[in-house]
Amino acid sequence: MAGLEIPSWDPETALLIGAILLEAFVLYVGYGGLERLVGPYLMDIIVGGDASAR
């Protein structure tokens, strides 16, 4: 049947998928840290502080 067979994994393909997942995780953590670091400063500049944004 089409679509039910088990694919054979090429080691290069598995390495590529792993690299993409690692990159996604690093970007997720990096942007989260950047938001914590720069976010309050930008809120002060754009809207005059956290209290005004609510």
C-alpha atoms as a PDB file:
ATOM      1  CA  MET A   1       0.000   0.000   0.000  1.00  0.00           C
ATOM      2  CA  ALA A   2       1.183   3.473  -0.731  1.00  0.00           C
ATOM      3  CA  GLY A   3       2.243   5.504   2.263  1.00  0.00           C
ATOM      4  CA  LEU A   4       2.504   2.641   4.754  1.00  0.00           C
ATOM      5  CA  GLU A   5       5.990   1.450   3.985  1.00  0.00           C
ATOM      6  CA  ILE A   6       8.798   2.312   6.389  1.00  0.00           C
ATOM      7  CA  PRO A   7      11.247   4.786   4.863  1.00  0.00           C
ATOM      8  CA  SER A   8      14.925   3.977   4.894  1.00  0.00           C
ATOM      9  CA  TRP A   9      16.895   6.716   6.622  1.00  0.00           C
ATOM     10  CA  ASP A  10      19.991   8.117   5.060  1.00  0.00           C
ATOM     11  CA  PRO A  11      22.523   9.220   7.710  1.00  0.00           C
ATOM     12  CA  GLU A  12      22.970  12.547   5.923  1.00  0.00           C
ATOM     13  CA  THR A  13      19.227  13.172   6.048  1.00  0.00           C
ATOM     14  CA  ALA A  14      19.101  12.370   9.751  1.00  0.00           C
ATOM     15  CA  LEU A  15      22.032  14.740  10.353  1.00  0.00           C
ATOM     16  CA  LEU A  16      20.285  17.498   8.411  1.00  0.00           C
ATOM     17  CA  ILE A  17      17.067  17.057  10.393  1.00  0.00           C
ATOM     18  CA  GLY A  18      19.049  17.104  13.643  1.00  0.00           C
ATOM     19  CA  ALA A  19      20.878  20.282  12.598  1.00  0.00           C
ATOM     20  CA  ILE A  20      17.597  21.997  11.721  1.00  0.00           C
ATOM     21  CA  LEU A  21      16.054  21.031  15.073  1.00  0.00           C
ATOM     22  CA  LEU A  22      19.143  22.242  16.939  1.00  0.00           C
ATOM     23  CA  GLU A  23      19.082  25.535  15.050  1.00  0.00           C
ATOM     24  CA  ALA A  24      15.393  26.004  15.860  1.00  0.00           C
ATOM     25  CA  PHE A  25      16.050  25.372  19.560  1.00  0.00           C
ATOM     26  CA  VAL A  26      19.005  27.790  19.643  1.00  0.00           C
ATOM     27  CA  LEU A  27      16.973  30.499  17.911  1.00  0.00           C
ATOM     28  CA  TYR A  28      14.031  29.952  20.279  1.00  0.00           C
ATOM     29  CA  VAL A  29      16.243  30.270  23.362  1.00  0.00           C
ATOM     30  CA  GLY A  30      18.242  33.137  21.872  1.00  0.00           C
ATOM     31  CA  TYR A  31      15.229  35.235  20.945  1.00  0.00           C
ATOM     32  CA  GLY A  32      13.664  34.561  24.346  1.00  0.00           C
ATOM     33  CA  GLY A  33      16.784  35.813  26.086  1.00  0.00           C
ATOM     34  CA  LEU A  34      16.997  38.823  23.809  1.00  0.00           C
ATOM     35  CA  GLU A  35      13.370  39.670  24.540  1.00  0.00           C
ATOM     36  CA  ARG A  36      13.999  39.512  28.306  1.00  0.00           C
ATOM     37  CA  LEU A  37      17.080  41.686  27.962  1.00  0.00           C
ATOM     38  CA  VAL A  38      15.831  44.333  25.525  1.00  0.00           C
ATOM     39  CA  GLY A  39      12.046  44.082  25.973  1.00  0.00           C
ATOM     40  CA  PRO A  40      11.635  46.324  29.028  1.00  0.00           C
ATOM     41  CA  TYR A  41      13.895  48.964  27.500  1.00  0.00           C
ATOM     42  CA  LEU A  42      11.865  48.992  24.271  1.00  0.00           C
ATOM     43  CA  MET A  43       8.606  49.175  26.226  1.00  0.00           C
ATOM     44  CA  ASP A  44       9.900  52.282  27.989  1.00  0.00           C
ATOM     45  CA  ILE A  45      10.822  53.886  24.672  1.00  0.00           C
ATOM     46  CA  ILE A  46       7.705  52.950  22.706  1.00  0.00           C
ATOM     47  CA  VAL A  47       4.848  53.316  25.193  1.00  0.00           C
ATOM     48  CA  GLY A  48       6.403  54.896  28.259  1.00  0.00           C
ATOM     49  CA  GLY A  49       6.697  51.798  30.434  1.00  0.00           C
ATOM     50  CA  ASP A  50       4.980  48.536  31.250  1.00  0.00           C
ATOM     51  CA  ALA A  51       2.054  50.116  33.100  1.00  0.00           C
ATOM     52  CA  SER A  52       0.942  52.099  30.027  1.00  0.00           C
ATOM     53  CA  ALA A  53       0.835  48.989  27.846  1.00  0.00           C
ATOM     54  CA  ARG A  54      -1.943  47.342  29.841  1.00  0.00           C
END
